[in-house]
């Protein structure tokens, strides 16, 4: 009942939903590959940029692949809402 009264305060995970942040992190992690000890590659779409540290790849994805992140967020959100029905 609290979900309808105050949806901002509802704990979706306790109600059977998934955690959006964890799902997004998992997808981003799968788009990053480690080529060597000090080489990380972006695997979003056809991007093949190479970086010296993983944090630089994450920053690159947030800046250069915003549309991919938005679409991914929408897919994760829709996937969670349809699985709860």
Protein backbone atom coordinates (compact mmCIF):
# COMPACT_ATOMS: atom_id res chain seq x y z
CA UNK A 1 0.00 0.00 0.00
CA UNK A 2 2.87 2.37 0.77
CA UNK A 3 4.04 1.97 -2.82
CA UNK A 4 0.95 3.82 -4.01
CA UNK A 5 0.93 6.38 -1.22
CA UNK A 6 4.62 7.31 -1.37
CA UNK A 7 6.34 5.67 -4.37
CA UNK A 8 9.60 7.58 -3.81
CA UNK A 9 10.11 5.90 -0.44
CA UNK A 10 9.24 2.36 -1.57
CA UNK A 11 12.00 -0.23 -1.50
CA UNK A 12 11.62 -1.90 -4.89
CA UNK A 13 14.07 -4.68 -4.03
CA UNK A 14 11.97 -5.74 -1.03
CA UNK A 15 8.90 -5.75 -3.29
CA UNK A 16 10.52 -8.23 -5.67
CA UNK A 17 12.15 -5.83 -8.11
CA UNK A 18 15.79 -5.62 -9.01
CA UNK A 19 18.34 -2.97 -8.18
CA UNK A 20 18.79 -0.65 -11.18
CA UNK A 21 22.29 0.43 -10.15
CA UNK A 22 23.51 -3.16 -9.85
CA UNK A 23 21.99 -4.11 -13.20
CA UNK A 24 23.58 -1.09 -14.90
CA UNK A 25 26.97 -1.82 -13.31
CA UNK A 26 26.78 -5.39 -14.51
CA UNK A 27 26.08 -4.30 -18.09
CA UNK A 28 28.86 -1.70 -18.04
CA UNK A 29 31.27 -4.29 -16.62
CA UNK A 30 30.44 -6.61 -19.50
CA UNK A 31 31.29 -3.82 -21.99
CA UNK A 32 34.81 -3.39 -20.53
CA UNK A 33 37.51 -5.90 -21.36
CA UNK A 34 40.99 -6.17 -19.93
CA UNK A 35 43.50 -6.57 -22.73
CA UNK A 36 46.65 -6.62 -20.59
CA UNK A 37 47.72 -5.68 -17.08
CA UNK A 38 47.59 -1.98 -17.94
CA UNK A 39 45.23 -1.97 -20.94
CA UNK A 40 41.44 -1.74 -20.83
CA UNK A 41 39.16 -1.59 -23.86
CA UNK A 42 35.71 -0.07 -24.35
CA UNK A 43 33.36 -2.56 -25.97
CA UNK A 44 30.26 -0.40 -26.35
CA UNK A 45 28.94 -0.94 -29.85
CA UNK A 46 31.85 -0.70 -32.27
CA UNK A 47 34.02 1.45 -30.02
CA UNK A 48 37.49 0.00 -29.60
CA UNK A 49 39.24 2.73 -27.61
CA UNK A 50 42.02 1.54 -25.37
CA UNK A 51 42.76 3.00 -21.92
CA UNK A 52 45.44 2.69 -19.25
CA UNK A 53 43.02 2.20 -16.34
CA UNK A 54 39.51 0.84 -15.90
CA UNK A 55 38.30 4.09 -14.34
CA UNK A 56 39.15 5.91 -17.58
CA UNK A 57 36.98 3.49 -19.58
CA UNK A 58 34.07 4.08 -17.18
CA UNK A 59 34.50 7.84 -17.54
CA UNK A 60 34.65 7.47 -21.33
CA UNK A 61 31.42 5.45 -21.35
CA UNK A 62 29.63 8.04 -19.21
CA UNK A 63 30.77 10.91 -21.47
CA UNK A 64 30.78 9.39 -24.96
CA UNK A 65 28.10 6.70 -24.80
CA UNK A 66 25.27 8.54 -23.02
CA UNK A 67 22.69 7.30 -25.53
CA UNK A 68 23.75 3.68 -24.92
CA UNK A 69 23.50 4.20 -21.15
CA UNK A 70 20.05 5.78 -21.48
CA UNK A 71 18.79 2.96 -23.69
CA UNK A 72 20.30 0.41 -21.32
CA UNK A 73 18.64 2.07 -18.34
CA UNK A 74 15.30 2.03 -20.13
CA UNK A 75 15.69 -1.65 -21.08
CA UNK A 76 16.62 -2.60 -17.51
CA UNK A 77 13.71 -0.60 -16.09
CA UNK A 78 11.21 -2.04 -18.57
CA UNK A 79 12.56 -5.54 -18.03
CA UNK A 80 12.05 -5.22 -14.30
CA UNK A 81 8.55 -3.84 -14.63
CA UNK A 82 7.40 -6.57 -17.02
CA UNK A 83 8.90 -9.33 -14.87
CA UNK A 84 6.92 -8.09 -11.87
CA UNK A 85 3.58 -8.36 -13.67
